[in-house]
Amino acid sequence: MSGDLYTRTQAQGQEALRAALLDLAAQLLAAEGAAALTMRRIATAAGCSTTVLYRHFGAKDGIAEALYQEGFARLRRSLEAVPPSADPPTHLADLGRAYRVNALTERNLYQVMFAGLIPGFTPTPEARAIAAASLEVLREAVRACVAAGVFRPDVDVDEVTDIIWAAAHGSITLELAGHFTAETAEHRYRTLTRAAVDAFVQVPGA
């Protein structure tokens, strides 16, 4: 943790500074636990005054909320950045790979989003809405697969999206916890998500 973070990032603008402060807070949280999530501890690590943090986040609860929202906002941006494909199953697979890359890149935020890393924290309805919206790209890809006849016409798009998401999340959770080796983790992820997808594929002549 570098105490000159504030000096290095403030010249880049308030959004860049806010993102850097959230990254730092997530690192402290992962390394030291929830006790590190105080204004004084974060300000010391960042090399700024607590006033800067209050201006951006309001209070400790504001930081927890911001970490949660930022994690899902980054997830949404990473999924939206996936280039479109004329082949719906290919696009769906590309989104799956992007989901895993985001989780591994943003693993500290991912733990805040899904692992209850902040005891007592309950996301607000606004934060829940941001979380739900982050998967809309995946949901649209599922709809495209239904429209293209890849998935059975009677499937529930929300159910398919949730099942694929659950398969992806389960594999990633085990990977982040160290249960899969670096050599096997990606294969396990592909196999599990492929099995989830195959459960809804339309079988010719069926």
N, C-alpha and C. Protein backbone atom coordinates (compact mmCIF):
# COMPACT_ATOMS: atom_id res chain seq x y z
N MET A 1 0.85 -1.18 0.00
CA MET A 1 0.00 0.00 0.00
C MET A 1 0.89 1.24 0.00
N SER A 2 0.67 2.10 -0.95
CA SER A 2 1.53 3.27 -1.06
C SER A 2 0.82 4.50 -0.55
N GLY A 3 1.49 5.21 0.34
CA GLY A 3 0.92 6.41 0.91
C GLY A 3 0.84 7.58 -0.04
N ASP A 4 1.40 7.45 -1.24
CA ASP A 4 1.35 8.55 -2.19
C ASP A 4 0.26 8.35 -3.23
N LEU A 5 -0.67 7.45 -2.99
CA LEU A 5 -1.75 7.20 -3.93
C LEU A 5 -2.52 8.48 -4.23
N TYR A 6 -2.81 9.24 -3.22
CA TYR A 6 -3.57 10.48 -3.40
C TYR A 6 -2.83 11.44 -4.31
N THR A 7 -1.55 11.59 -4.07
CA THR A 7 -0.75 12.51 -4.88
C THR A 7 -0.70 12.04 -6.33
N ARG A 8 -0.57 10.73 -6.54
CA ARG A 8 -0.43 10.19 -7.89
C ARG A 8 -1.71 10.26 -8.70
N THR A 9 -2.86 10.18 -8.05
CA THR A 9 -4.11 10.05 -8.80
C THR A 9 -4.99 11.29 -8.80
N GLN A 10 -4.81 12.22 -7.90
CA GLN A 10 -5.72 13.35 -7.85
C GLN A 10 -5.66 14.19 -9.12
N ALA A 11 -4.49 14.23 -9.76
CA ALA A 11 -4.35 15.02 -10.98
C ALA A 11 -5.10 14.39 -12.16
N GLN A 12 -5.49 13.13 -12.02
CA GLN A 12 -6.20 12.43 -13.11
C GLN A 12 -7.70 12.69 -13.08
N GLY A 13 -8.16 13.39 -12.06
CA GLY A 13 -9.59 13.69 -11.96
C GLY A 13 -10.25 12.95 -10.82
N GLN A 14 -11.43 13.42 -10.45
CA GLN A 14 -12.12 12.88 -9.28
C GLN A 14 -12.59 11.43 -9.48
N GLU A 15 -12.98 11.08 -10.69
CA GLU A 15 -13.42 9.69 -10.92
C GLU A 15 -12.25 8.72 -10.78
N ALA A 16 -11.09 9.11 -11.31
CA ALA A 16 -9.91 8.25 -11.19
C ALA A 16 -9.49 8.13 -9.73
N LEU A 17 -9.56 9.24 -8.99
CA LEU A 17 -9.21 9.21 -7.58
C LEU A 17 -10.18 8.33 -6.80
N ARG A 18 -11.46 8.46 -7.09
CA ARG A 18 -12.46 7.65 -6.40
C ARG A 18 -12.23 6.16 -6.65
N ALA A 19 -11.96 5.80 -7.91
CA ALA A 19 -11.71 4.40 -8.25
C ALA A 19 -10.47 3.87 -7.55
N ALA A 20 -9.42 4.71 -7.48
CA ALA A 20 -8.18 4.29 -6.83
C ALA A 20 -8.39 4.10 -5.33
N LEU A 21 -9.18 4.97 -4.72
CA LEU A 21 -9.48 4.83 -3.30
C LEU A 21 -10.28 3.56 -3.02
N LEU A 22 -11.20 3.23 -3.91
CA LEU A 22 -11.98 1.99 -3.74
C LEU A 22 -11.10 0.76 -3.92
N ASP A 23 -10.18 0.81 -4.88
CA ASP A 23 -9.24 -0.30 -5.05
C ASP A 23 -8.42 -0.50 -3.79
N LEU A 24 -7.96 0.61 -3.22
CA LEU A 24 -7.16 0.54 -2.00
C LEU A 24 -7.98 -0.02 -0.85
N ALA A 25 -9.21 0.46 -0.70
CA ALA A 25 -10.08 -0.04 0.37
C ALA A 25 -10.31 -1.53 0.22
N ALA A 26 -10.52 -2.00 -1.01
CA ALA A 26 -10.74 -3.43 -1.25
C ALA A 26 -9.50 -4.24 -0.93
N GLN A 27 -8.32 -3.71 -1.24
CA GLN A 27 -7.07 -4.39 -0.92
C GLN A 27 -6.89 -4.50 0.60
N LEU A 28 -7.15 -3.41 1.30
CA LEU A 28 -7.04 -3.43 2.76
C LEU A 28 -8.02 -4.43 3.36
N LEU A 29 -9.23 -4.43 2.83
CA LEU A 29 -10.26 -5.33 3.33
C LEU A 29 -9.85 -6.78 3.16
N ALA A 30 -9.31 -7.11 1.98
CA ALA A 30 -8.90 -8.48 1.70
C ALA A 30 -7.70 -8.88 2.54
N ALA A 31 -6.78 -7.94 2.78
CA ALA A 31 -5.54 -8.26 3.49
C ALA A 31 -5.70 -8.25 5.01
N GLU A 32 -6.54 -7.34 5.52
CA GLU A 32 -6.59 -7.13 6.97
C GLU A 32 -7.95 -7.39 7.60
N GLY A 33 -8.95 -7.64 6.76
CA GLY A 33 -10.28 -7.88 7.30
C GLY A 33 -11.08 -6.61 7.45
N ALA A 34 -12.33 -6.79 7.90
CA ALA A 34 -13.27 -5.67 7.99
C ALA A 34 -12.79 -4.57 8.93
N ALA A 35 -11.94 -4.91 9.90
CA ALA A 35 -11.46 -3.90 10.85
C ALA A 35 -10.65 -2.81 10.15
N ALA A 36 -10.12 -3.12 8.97
CA ALA A 36 -9.31 -2.13 8.24
C ALA A 36 -10.18 -1.12 7.49
N LEU A 37 -11.47 -1.37 7.43
CA LEU A 37 -12.35 -0.52 6.64
C LEU A 37 -12.81 0.69 7.48
N THR A 38 -11.84 1.49 7.89
CA THR A 38 -12.14 2.72 8.62
C THR A 38 -11.60 3.90 7.83
N MET A 39 -12.19 5.06 8.04
CA MET A 39 -11.75 6.25 7.32
C MET A 39 -10.27 6.54 7.61
N ARG A 40 -9.89 6.41 8.86
CA ARG A 40 -8.51 6.73 9.24
C ARG A 40 -7.51 5.77 8.61
N ARG A 41 -7.85 4.47 8.62
CA ARG A 41 -6.91 3.48 8.05
C ARG A 41 -6.75 3.68 6.54
N ILE A 42 -7.86 3.91 5.85
CA ILE A 42 -7.80 4.09 4.40
C ILE A 42 -7.08 5.39 4.05
N ALA A 43 -7.37 6.44 4.80
CA ALA A 43 -6.72 7.74 4.53
C ALA A 43 -5.22 7.65 4.76
N THR A 44 -4.81 6.95 5.80
CA THR A 44 -3.38 6.79 6.07
C THR A 44 -2.70 6.04 4.93
N ALA A 45 -3.32 4.97 4.48
CA ALA A 45 -2.75 4.17 3.40
C ALA A 45 -2.70 4.95 2.09
N ALA A 46 -3.70 5.82 1.88
CA ALA A 46 -3.77 6.58 0.63
C ALA A 46 -2.93 7.84 0.65
N GLY A 47 -2.54 8.29 1.86
CA GLY A 47 -1.76 9.52 1.96
C GLY A 47 -2.62 10.76 1.80
N CYS A 48 -3.85 10.69 2.30
CA CYS A 48 -4.75 11.85 2.21
C CYS A 48 -5.45 12.04 3.55
N SER A 49 -6.22 13.08 3.66
CA SER A 49 -6.98 13.32 4.88
C SER A 49 -8.30 12.56 4.84
N THR A 50 -8.89 12.36 6.01
CA THR A 50 -10.19 11.69 6.04
C THR A 50 -11.26 12.55 5.36
N THR A 51 -11.02 13.85 5.27
CA THR A 51 -11.96 14.75 4.62
C THR A 51 -12.19 14.33 3.16
N VAL A 52 -11.11 13.89 2.51
CA VAL A 52 -11.22 13.44 1.12
C VAL A 52 -12.18 12.26 1.03
N LEU A 53 -12.07 11.33 1.96
CA LEU A 53 -12.93 10.15 1.95
C LEU A 53 -14.38 10.52 2.24
N TYR A 54 -14.57 11.41 3.22
CA TYR A 54 -15.94 11.83 3.53
C TYR A 54 -16.58 12.52 2.33
N ARG A 55 -15.78 13.27 1.59
CA ARG A 55 -16.31 13.98 0.42
C ARG A 55 -16.78 12.99 -0.65
N HIS A 56 -16.05 11.89 -0.81
CA HIS A 56 -16.39 10.92 -1.85
C HIS A 56 -17.42 9.89 -1.40
N PHE A 57 -17.39 9.51 -0.12
CA PHE A 57 -18.19 8.36 0.30
C PHE A 57 -19.14 8.64 1.47
N GLY A 58 -19.01 9.76 2.11
CA GLY A 58 -19.91 10.10 3.20
C GLY A 58 -19.49 9.52 4.53
N ALA A 59 -19.34 8.20 4.63
CA ALA A 59 -18.96 7.55 5.89
C ALA A 59 -18.53 6.12 5.58
N LYS A 60 -18.20 5.37 6.63
CA LYS A 60 -17.76 3.98 6.44
C LYS A 60 -18.80 3.17 5.67
N ASP A 61 -20.08 3.32 6.04
CA ASP A 61 -21.13 2.58 5.34
C ASP A 61 -21.17 2.98 3.87
N GLY A 62 -20.84 4.24 3.61
CA GLY A 62 -20.80 4.71 2.23
C GLY A 62 -19.70 4.03 1.44
N ILE A 63 -18.59 3.73 2.07
CA ILE A 63 -17.49 3.02 1.40
C ILE A 63 -17.92 1.59 1.06
N ALA A 64 -18.58 0.93 2.01
CA ALA A 64 -19.05 -0.43 1.75
C ALA A 64 -20.02 -0.45 0.58
N GLU A 65 -20.94 0.49 0.57
CA GLU A 65 -21.91 0.58 -0.53
C GLU A 65 -21.21 0.87 -1.85
N ALA A 66 -20.23 1.76 -1.81
CA ALA A 66 -19.50 2.13 -3.03
C ALA A 66 -18.69 0.96 -3.56
N LEU A 67 -18.09 0.17 -2.68
CA LEU A 67 -17.34 -1.01 -3.10
C LEU A 67 -18.26 -2.00 -3.82
N TYR A 68 -19.42 -2.22 -3.25
CA TYR A 68 -20.39 -3.15 -3.83
C TYR A 68 -20.83 -2.66 -5.21
N GLN A 69 -21.20 -1.40 -5.29
CA GLN A 69 -21.67 -0.85 -6.56
C GLN A 69 -20.56 -0.82 -7.60
N GLU A 70 -19.35 -0.46 -7.19
CA GLU A 70 -18.24 -0.39 -8.12
C GLU A 70 -17.92 -1.76 -8.71
N GLY A 71 -17.99 -2.79 -7.88
CA GLY A 71 -17.73 -4.13 -8.37
C GLY A 71 -18.68 -4.51 -9.49
N PHE A 72 -19.97 -4.25 -9.31
CA PHE A 72 -20.94 -4.60 -10.34
C PHE A 72 -20.86 -3.66 -11.54
N ALA A 73 -20.50 -2.41 -11.30
CA ALA A 73 -20.33 -1.48 -12.43
C ALA A 73 -19.18 -1.93 -13.32
N ARG A 74 -18.09 -2.38 -12.72
CA ARG A 74 -16.96 -2.87 -13.51
C ARG A 74 -17.31 -4.15 -14.24
N LEU A 75 -18.08 -5.01 -13.58
CA LEU A 75 -18.52 -6.24 -14.24
C LEU A 75 -19.35 -5.90 -15.47
N ARG A 76 -20.28 -4.97 -15.32
CA ARG A 76 -21.12 -4.59 -16.46
C ARG A 76 -20.28 -4.03 -17.60
N ARG A 77 -19.32 -3.16 -17.28
CA ARG A 77 -18.48 -2.59 -18.33
C ARG A 77 -17.67 -3.67 -19.05
N SER A 78 -17.19 -4.65 -18.30
CA SER A 78 -16.39 -5.70 -18.92
C SER A 78 -17.24 -6.56 -19.86
N LEU A 79 -18.49 -6.81 -19.49
CA LEU A 79 -19.37 -7.60 -20.34
C LEU A 79 -19.81 -6.80 -21.57
N GLU A 80 -20.07 -5.52 -21.36
CA GLU A 80 -20.49 -4.68 -22.48
C GLU A 80 -19.36 -4.46 -23.47
N ALA A 81 -18.11 -4.64 -23.02
CA ALA A 81 -16.96 -4.44 -23.90
C ALA A 81 -16.70 -5.64 -24.81
N VAL A 82 -17.39 -6.75 -24.57
CA VAL A 82 -17.21 -7.94 -25.41
C VAL A 82 -17.76 -7.65 -26.80
N PRO A 83 -16.95 -7.82 -27.85
CA PRO A 83 -17.42 -7.52 -29.21
C PRO A 83 -18.61 -8.40 -29.59
N PRO A 84 -19.57 -7.84 -30.29
CA PRO A 84 -20.72 -8.65 -30.72
C PRO A 84 -20.31 -9.71 -31.73
N SER A 85 -21.12 -10.75 -31.82
CA SER A 85 -20.88 -11.82 -32.77
C SER A 85 -22.18 -12.15 -33.48
N ALA A 86 -22.07 -12.50 -34.75
CA ALA A 86 -23.26 -12.89 -35.50
C ALA A 86 -23.77 -14.26 -35.07
N ASP A 87 -22.96 -14.99 -34.33
CA ASP A 87 -23.32 -16.32 -33.86
C ASP A 87 -23.65 -16.25 -32.37
N PRO A 88 -24.93 -16.34 -31.99
CA PRO A 88 -25.33 -16.17 -30.58
C PRO A 88 -24.58 -17.07 -29.60
N PRO A 89 -24.39 -18.39 -29.87
CA PRO A 89 -23.65 -19.21 -28.90
C PRO A 89 -22.21 -18.74 -28.70
N THR A 90 -21.58 -18.26 -29.77
CA THR A 90 -20.21 -17.74 -29.65
C THR A 90 -20.18 -16.52 -28.75
N HIS A 91 -21.17 -15.63 -28.93
CA HIS A 91 -21.22 -14.42 -28.09
C HIS A 91 -21.45 -14.79 -26.64
N LEU A 92 -22.32 -15.77 -26.40
CA LEU A 92 -22.59 -16.20 -25.03
C LEU A 92 -21.32 -16.77 -24.40
N ALA A 93 -20.57 -17.55 -25.15
CA ALA A 93 -19.31 -18.12 -24.63
C ALA A 93 -18.29 -17.01 -24.36
N ASP A 94 -18.25 -16.02 -25.24
CA ASP A 94 -17.32 -14.89 -25.04
C ASP A 94 -17.66 -14.12 -23.77
N LEU A 95 -18.94 -13.97 -23.51
CA LEU A 95 -19.36 -13.29 -22.28
C LEU A 95 -18.96 -14.10 -21.05
N GLY A 96 -19.06 -15.42 -21.15
CA GLY A 96 -18.65 -16.27 -20.04
C GLY A 96 -17.18 -16.11 -19.73
N ARG A 97 -16.36 -16.05 -20.77
CA ARG A 97 -14.92 -15.86 -20.55
C ARG A 97 -14.65 -14.49 -19.93
N ALA A 98 -15.37 -13.48 -20.40
CA ALA A 98 -15.17 -12.12 -19.86
C ALA A 98 -15.58 -12.06 -18.39
N TYR A 99 -16.62 -12.80 -18.02
CA TYR A 99 -17.07 -12.82 -16.63
C TYR A 99 -15.95 -13.36 -15.73
N ARG A 100 -15.33 -14.43 -16.15
CA ARG A 100 -14.26 -15.03 -15.34
C ARG A 100 -13.05 -14.11 -15.27
N VAL A 101 -12.67 -13.52 -16.39
CA VAL A 101 -11.53 -12.60 -16.39
C VAL A 101 -11.79 -11.43 -15.44
N ASN A 102 -12.99 -10.89 -15.46
CA ASN A 102 -13.32 -9.79 -14.56
C ASN A 102 -13.22 -10.22 -13.10
N ALA A 103 -13.75 -11.41 -12.80
CA ALA A 103 -13.72 -11.90 -11.42
C ALA A 103 -12.29 -12.07 -10.92
N LEU A 104 -11.40 -12.57 -11.77
CA LEU A 104 -10.02 -12.78 -11.36
C LEU A 104 -9.25 -11.46 -11.28
N THR A 105 -9.58 -10.54 -12.18
CA THR A 105 -8.92 -9.24 -12.18
C THR A 105 -9.37 -8.39 -10.99
N GLU A 106 -10.65 -8.47 -10.69
CA GLU A 106 -11.24 -7.67 -9.61
C GLU A 106 -11.59 -8.56 -8.42
N ARG A 107 -10.70 -9.47 -8.06
CA ARG A 107 -11.05 -10.47 -7.06
C ARG A 107 -11.39 -9.88 -5.70
N ASN A 108 -10.78 -8.76 -5.33
CA ASN A 108 -11.12 -8.16 -4.05
C ASN A 108 -12.55 -7.62 -4.05
N LEU A 109 -12.92 -6.94 -5.14
CA LEU A 109 -14.29 -6.46 -5.25
C LEU A 109 -15.27 -7.63 -5.39
N TYR A 110 -14.86 -8.67 -6.07
CA TYR A 110 -15.71 -9.85 -6.25
C TYR A 110 -16.08 -10.45 -4.89
N GLN A 111 -15.12 -10.44 -3.97
CA GLN A 111 -15.39 -10.96 -2.62
C GLN A 111 -16.39 -10.08 -1.89
N VAL A 112 -16.33 -8.77 -2.12
CA VAL A 112 -17.31 -7.87 -1.52
C VAL A 112 -18.69 -8.13 -2.11
N MET A 113 -18.74 -8.33 -3.42
CA MET A 113 -20.01 -8.54 -4.12
C MET A 113 -20.72 -9.82 -3.69
N PHE A 114 -19.94 -10.90 -3.47
CA PHE A 114 -20.55 -12.21 -3.33
C PHE A 114 -20.18 -12.98 -2.07
N ALA A 115 -19.10 -12.59 -1.40
CA ALA A 115 -18.62 -13.43 -0.29
C ALA A 115 -18.89 -12.85 1.09
N GLY A 116 -19.66 -11.78 1.16
CA GLY A 116 -19.97 -11.20 2.46
C GLY A 116 -18.74 -10.74 3.23
N LEU A 117 -17.81 -10.13 2.51
CA LEU A 117 -16.54 -9.74 3.12
C LEU A 117 -16.69 -8.64 4.16
N ILE A 118 -17.81 -7.93 4.11
CA ILE A 118 -18.05 -6.84 5.08
C ILE A 118 -19.20 -7.25 5.99
N PRO A 119 -18.91 -7.74 7.20
CA PRO A 119 -19.96 -8.18 8.11
C PRO A 119 -20.97 -7.07 8.39
N GLY A 120 -22.25 -7.43 8.35
CA GLY A 120 -23.30 -6.48 8.67
C GLY A 120 -23.72 -5.59 7.52
N PHE A 121 -23.00 -5.65 6.40
CA PHE A 121 -23.35 -4.78 5.28
C PHE A 121 -24.52 -5.36 4.50
N THR A 122 -25.53 -4.52 4.27
CA THR A 122 -26.68 -4.89 3.45
C THR A 122 -26.82 -3.89 2.32
N PRO A 123 -26.71 -4.33 1.09
CA PRO A 123 -26.82 -3.39 -0.04
C PRO A 123 -28.18 -2.70 -0.06
N THR A 124 -28.19 -1.45 -0.46
CA THR A 124 -29.43 -0.71 -0.61
C THR A 124 -30.18 -1.20 -1.85
N PRO A 125 -31.46 -0.86 -1.97
CA PRO A 125 -32.20 -1.21 -3.19
C PRO A 125 -31.52 -0.67 -4.45
N GLU A 126 -30.93 0.51 -4.36
CA GLU A 126 -30.21 1.07 -5.51
C GLU A 126 -29.04 0.18 -5.91
N ALA A 127 -28.29 -0.29 -4.90
CA ALA A 127 -27.15 -1.16 -5.18
C ALA A 127 -27.61 -2.49 -5.76
N ARG A 128 -28.71 -3.01 -5.26
CA ARG A 128 -29.26 -4.26 -5.79
C ARG A 128 -29.66 -4.09 -7.26
N ALA A 129 -30.21 -2.93 -7.58
CA ALA A 129 -30.62 -2.66 -8.96
C ALA A 129 -29.40 -2.61 -9.88
N ILE A 130 -28.31 -2.02 -9.41
CA ILE A 130 -27.07 -1.97 -10.19
C ILE A 130 -26.53 -3.37 -10.40
N ALA A 131 -26.62 -4.20 -9.36
CA ALA A 131 -26.16 -5.58 -9.46
C ALA A 131 -26.96 -6.33 -10.51
N ALA A 132 -28.28 -6.18 -10.48
CA ALA A 132 -29.14 -6.88 -11.44
C ALA A 132 -28.87 -6.41 -12.86
N ALA A 133 -28.65 -5.11 -13.02
CA ALA A 133 -28.43 -4.55 -14.36
C ALA A 133 -27.11 -5.02 -14.96
N SER A 134 -26.16 -5.41 -14.12
CA SER A 134 -24.85 -5.83 -14.63
C SER A 134 -24.95 -7.09 -15.47
N LEU A 135 -26.01 -7.88 -15.27
CA LEU A 135 -26.17 -9.13 -16.01
C LEU A 135 -27.13 -9.01 -17.19
N GLU A 136 -27.56 -7.80 -17.49
CA GLU A 136 -28.51 -7.63 -18.59
C GLU A 136 -27.89 -8.03 -19.93
N VAL A 137 -26.60 -7.80 -20.09
CA VAL A 137 -25.92 -8.20 -21.33
C VAL A 137 -26.00 -9.72 -21.50
N LEU A 138 -25.78 -10.45 -20.41
CA LEU A 138 -25.87 -11.90 -20.45
C LEU A 138 -27.30 -12.33 -20.77
N ARG A 139 -28.26 -11.65 -20.17
CA ARG A 139 -29.66 -11.99 -20.40
C ARG A 139 -30.04 -11.78 -21.87
N GLU A 140 -29.54 -10.70 -22.46
CA GLU A 140 -29.82 -10.44 -23.88
C GLU A 140 -29.18 -11.50 -24.77
N ALA A 141 -28.00 -11.99 -24.37
CA ALA A 141 -27.35 -13.05 -25.14
C ALA A 141 -28.15 -14.34 -25.08
N VAL A 142 -28.76 -14.62 -23.94
CA VAL A 142 -29.63 -15.79 -23.81
C VAL A 142 -30.86 -15.63 -24.70
N ARG A 143 -31.44 -14.44 -24.71
CA ARG A 143 -32.60 -14.20 -25.58
C ARG A 143 -32.24 -14.43 -27.04
N ALA A 144 -31.04 -13.98 -27.42
CA ALA A 144 -30.60 -14.15 -28.81
C ALA A 144 -30.47 -15.64 -29.15
N CYS A 145 -30.03 -16.44 -28.18
CA CYS A 145 -29.92 -17.88 -28.41
C CYS A 145 -31.29 -18.53 -28.57
N VAL A 146 -32.27 -18.02 -27.83
CA VAL A 146 -33.63 -18.53 -27.97
C VAL A 146 -34.18 -18.15 -29.35
N ALA A 147 -33.99 -16.90 -29.73
CA ALA A 147 -34.49 -16.42 -31.02
C ALA A 147 -33.85 -17.15 -32.19
N ALA A 148 -32.60 -17.57 -32.02
CA ALA A 148 -31.88 -18.26 -33.10
C ALA A 148 -32.18 -19.76 -33.13
N GLY A 149 -32.99 -20.23 -32.18
CA GLY A 149 -33.32 -21.65 -32.14
C GLY A 149 -32.26 -22.51 -31.50
N VAL A 150 -31.28 -21.88 -30.85
CA VAL A 150 -30.23 -22.63 -30.15
C VAL A 150 -30.80 -23.24 -28.87
N PHE A 151 -31.56 -22.44 -28.12
CA PHE A 151 -32.23 -22.92 -26.91
C PHE A 151 -33.68 -23.29 -27.23
N ARG A 152 -34.24 -24.15 -26.42
CA ARG A 152 -35.64 -24.54 -26.60
C ARG A 152 -36.54 -23.31 -26.51
N PRO A 153 -37.57 -23.24 -27.31
CA PRO A 153 -38.43 -22.05 -27.32
C PRO A 153 -39.23 -21.85 -26.04
N ASP A 154 -39.38 -22.92 -25.24
CA ASP A 154 -40.18 -22.82 -24.03
C ASP A 154 -39.37 -22.43 -22.80
N VAL A 155 -38.07 -22.19 -22.95
CA VAL A 155 -37.25 -21.89 -21.77
C VAL A 155 -37.59 -20.52 -21.21
N ASP A 156 -37.35 -20.36 -19.93
CA ASP A 156 -37.49 -19.07 -19.26
C ASP A 156 -36.14 -18.37 -19.30
N VAL A 157 -36.08 -17.23 -19.95
CA VAL A 157 -34.80 -16.52 -20.15
C VAL A 157 -34.14 -16.20 -18.81
N ASP A 158 -34.93 -15.76 -17.84
CA ASP A 158 -34.36 -15.43 -16.54
C ASP A 158 -33.78 -16.67 -15.86
N GLU A 159 -34.48 -17.79 -15.99
CA GLU A 159 -33.98 -19.02 -15.38
C GLU A 159 -32.67 -19.45 -16.03
N VAL A 160 -32.61 -19.42 -17.37
CA VAL A 160 -31.39 -19.81 -18.06
C VAL A 160 -30.23 -18.91 -17.64
N THR A 161 -30.49 -17.60 -17.59
CA THR A 161 -29.45 -16.65 -17.18
C THR A 161 -28.95 -16.96 -15.77
N ASP A 162 -29.89 -17.21 -14.87
CA ASP A 162 -29.52 -17.50 -13.48
C ASP A 162 -28.71 -18.79 -13.37
N ILE A 163 -29.09 -19.81 -14.13
CA ILE A 163 -28.38 -21.09 -14.05
C ILE A 163 -26.96 -20.96 -14.58
N ILE A 164 -26.81 -20.27 -15.71
CA ILE A 164 -25.46 -20.06 -16.26
C ILE A 164 -24.62 -19.24 -15.30
N TRP A 165 -25.23 -18.20 -14.73
CA TRP A 165 -24.53 -17.35 -13.76
C TRP A 165 -24.12 -18.17 -12.54
N ALA A 166 -25.02 -19.00 -12.05
CA ALA A 166 -24.71 -19.81 -10.87
C ALA A 166 -23.56 -20.78 -11.15
N ALA A 167 -23.56 -21.37 -12.34
CA ALA A 167 -22.47 -22.29 -12.70
C ALA A 167 -21.14 -21.54 -12.76
N ALA A 168 -21.15 -20.37 -13.39
CA ALA A 168 -19.93 -19.57 -13.49
C ALA A 168 -19.44 -19.15 -12.11
N HIS A 169 -20.36 -18.67 -11.30
CA HIS A 169 -19.99 -18.20 -9.96
C HIS A 169 -19.46 -19.32 -9.09
N GLY A 170 -20.08 -20.48 -9.18
CA GLY A 170 -19.62 -21.60 -8.36
C GLY A 170 -18.20 -22.01 -8.70
N SER A 171 -17.91 -22.10 -9.98
CA SER A 171 -16.55 -22.46 -10.40
C SER A 171 -15.53 -21.42 -9.99
N ILE A 172 -15.89 -20.15 -10.17
CA ILE A 172 -14.96 -19.06 -9.82
C ILE A 172 -14.73 -19.03 -8.31
N THR A 173 -15.77 -19.24 -7.53
CA THR A 173 -15.63 -19.23 -6.07
C THR A 173 -14.64 -20.29 -5.61
N LEU A 174 -14.74 -21.48 -6.18
CA LEU A 174 -13.80 -22.55 -5.84
C LEU A 174 -12.39 -22.20 -6.31
N GLU A 175 -12.28 -21.57 -7.47
CA GLU A 175 -10.97 -21.18 -7.97
C GLU A 175 -10.32 -20.13 -7.06
N LEU A 176 -11.08 -19.11 -6.68
CA LEU A 176 -10.54 -18.07 -5.82
C LEU A 176 -10.16 -18.60 -4.44
N ALA A 177 -10.85 -19.64 -4.01
CA ALA A 177 -10.55 -20.24 -2.70
C ALA A 177 -9.38 -21.21 -2.78
N GLY A 178 -8.83 -21.41 -3.98
CA GLY A 178 -7.65 -22.26 -4.13
C GLY A 178 -7.94 -23.74 -4.30
N HIS A 179 -9.20 -24.08 -4.55
CA HIS A 179 -9.54 -25.50 -4.70
C HIS A 179 -9.22 -26.05 -6.08
N PHE A 180 -9.08 -25.17 -7.07
CA PHE A 180 -8.66 -25.57 -8.40
C PHE A 180 -7.26 -25.05 -8.66
N THR A 181 -6.42 -25.85 -9.28
CA THR A 181 -5.08 -25.40 -9.61
C THR A 181 -5.14 -24.47 -10.81
N ALA A 182 -4.05 -23.74 -11.03
CA ALA A 182 -3.98 -22.83 -12.17
C ALA A 182 -4.11 -23.59 -13.48
N GLU A 183 -3.67 -24.82 -13.48
CA GLU A 183 -3.70 -25.64 -14.69
C GLU A 183 -5.11 -26.15 -15.02
N THR A 184 -5.93 -26.35 -13.99
CA THR A 184 -7.25 -26.96 -14.22
C THR A 184 -8.41 -25.98 -14.13
N ALA A 185 -8.20 -24.80 -13.55
CA ALA A 185 -9.31 -23.89 -13.24
C ALA A 185 -10.10 -23.48 -14.48
N GLU A 186 -9.42 -23.09 -15.54
CA GLU A 186 -10.13 -22.64 -16.74
C GLU A 186 -10.92 -23.79 -17.37
N HIS A 187 -10.33 -24.98 -17.39
CA HIS A 187 -11.03 -26.14 -17.95
C HIS A 187 -12.27 -26.47 -17.13
N ARG A 188 -12.15 -26.42 -15.81
CA ARG A 188 -13.30 -26.68 -14.95
C ARG A 188 -14.41 -25.66 -15.23
N TYR A 189 -14.02 -24.41 -15.39
CA TYR A 189 -14.98 -23.34 -15.65
C TYR A 189 -15.71 -23.59 -16.97
N ARG A 190 -14.96 -23.90 -18.02
CA ARG A 190 -15.57 -24.14 -19.33
C ARG A 190 -16.51 -25.35 -19.28
N THR A 191 -16.07 -26.40 -18.61
CA THR A 191 -16.88 -27.62 -18.55
C THR A 191 -18.20 -27.38 -17.81
N LEU A 192 -18.13 -26.68 -16.69
CA LEU A 192 -19.33 -26.45 -15.88
C LEU A 192 -20.30 -25.51 -16.58
N THR A 193 -19.80 -24.43 -17.15
CA THR A 193 -20.69 -23.48 -17.82
C THR A 193 -21.27 -24.10 -19.10
N ARG A 194 -20.46 -24.93 -19.78
CA ARG A 194 -20.97 -25.61 -20.97
C ARG A 194 -22.10 -26.57 -20.60
N ALA A 195 -21.96 -27.27 -19.48
CA ALA A 195 -23.01 -28.18 -19.02
C ALA A 195 -24.29 -27.41 -18.70
N ALA A 196 -24.15 -26.22 -18.11
CA ALA A 196 -25.31 -25.39 -17.80
C ALA A 196 -26.02 -24.96 -19.07
N VAL A 197 -25.24 -24.58 -20.07
CA VAL A 197 -25.81 -24.16 -21.35
C VAL A 197 -26.49 -25.33 -22.04
N ASP A 198 -25.83 -26.48 -22.04
CA ASP A 198 -26.37 -27.66 -22.74
C ASP A 198 -27.71 -28.11 -22.18
N ALA A 199 -27.99 -27.79 -20.93
CA ALA A 199 -29.26 -28.21 -20.34
C ALA A 199 -30.46 -27.56 -21.04
N PHE A 200 -30.22 -26.48 -21.78
CA PHE A 200 -31.32 -25.75 -22.41
C PHE A 200 -31.27 -25.78 -23.94
N VAL A 201 -30.26 -26.45 -24.48
CA VAL A 201 -30.11 -26.51 -25.93
C VAL A 201 -31.23 -27.33 -26.55
N GLN A 202 -31.74 -26.85 -27.67
CA GLN A 202 -32.80 -27.57 -28.39
C GLN A 202 -32.19 -28.75 -29.14
N VAL A 203 -32.73 -29.93 -28.91
CA VAL A 203 -32.25 -31.13 -29.56
C VAL A 203 -33.04 -31.34 -30.85
N PRO A 204 -32.38 -31.42 -32.01
CA PRO A 204 -33.09 -31.61 -33.27
C PRO A 204 -33.97 -32.87 -33.26
N GLY A 205 -35.20 -32.73 -33.66
CA GLY A 205 -36.12 -33.85 -33.73
C GLY A 205 -36.79 -34.22 -32.43
N ALA A 206 -36.38 -33.52 -31.35
CA ALA A 206 -36.98 -33.85 -30.04
C ALA A 206 -38.37 -33.28 -29.91
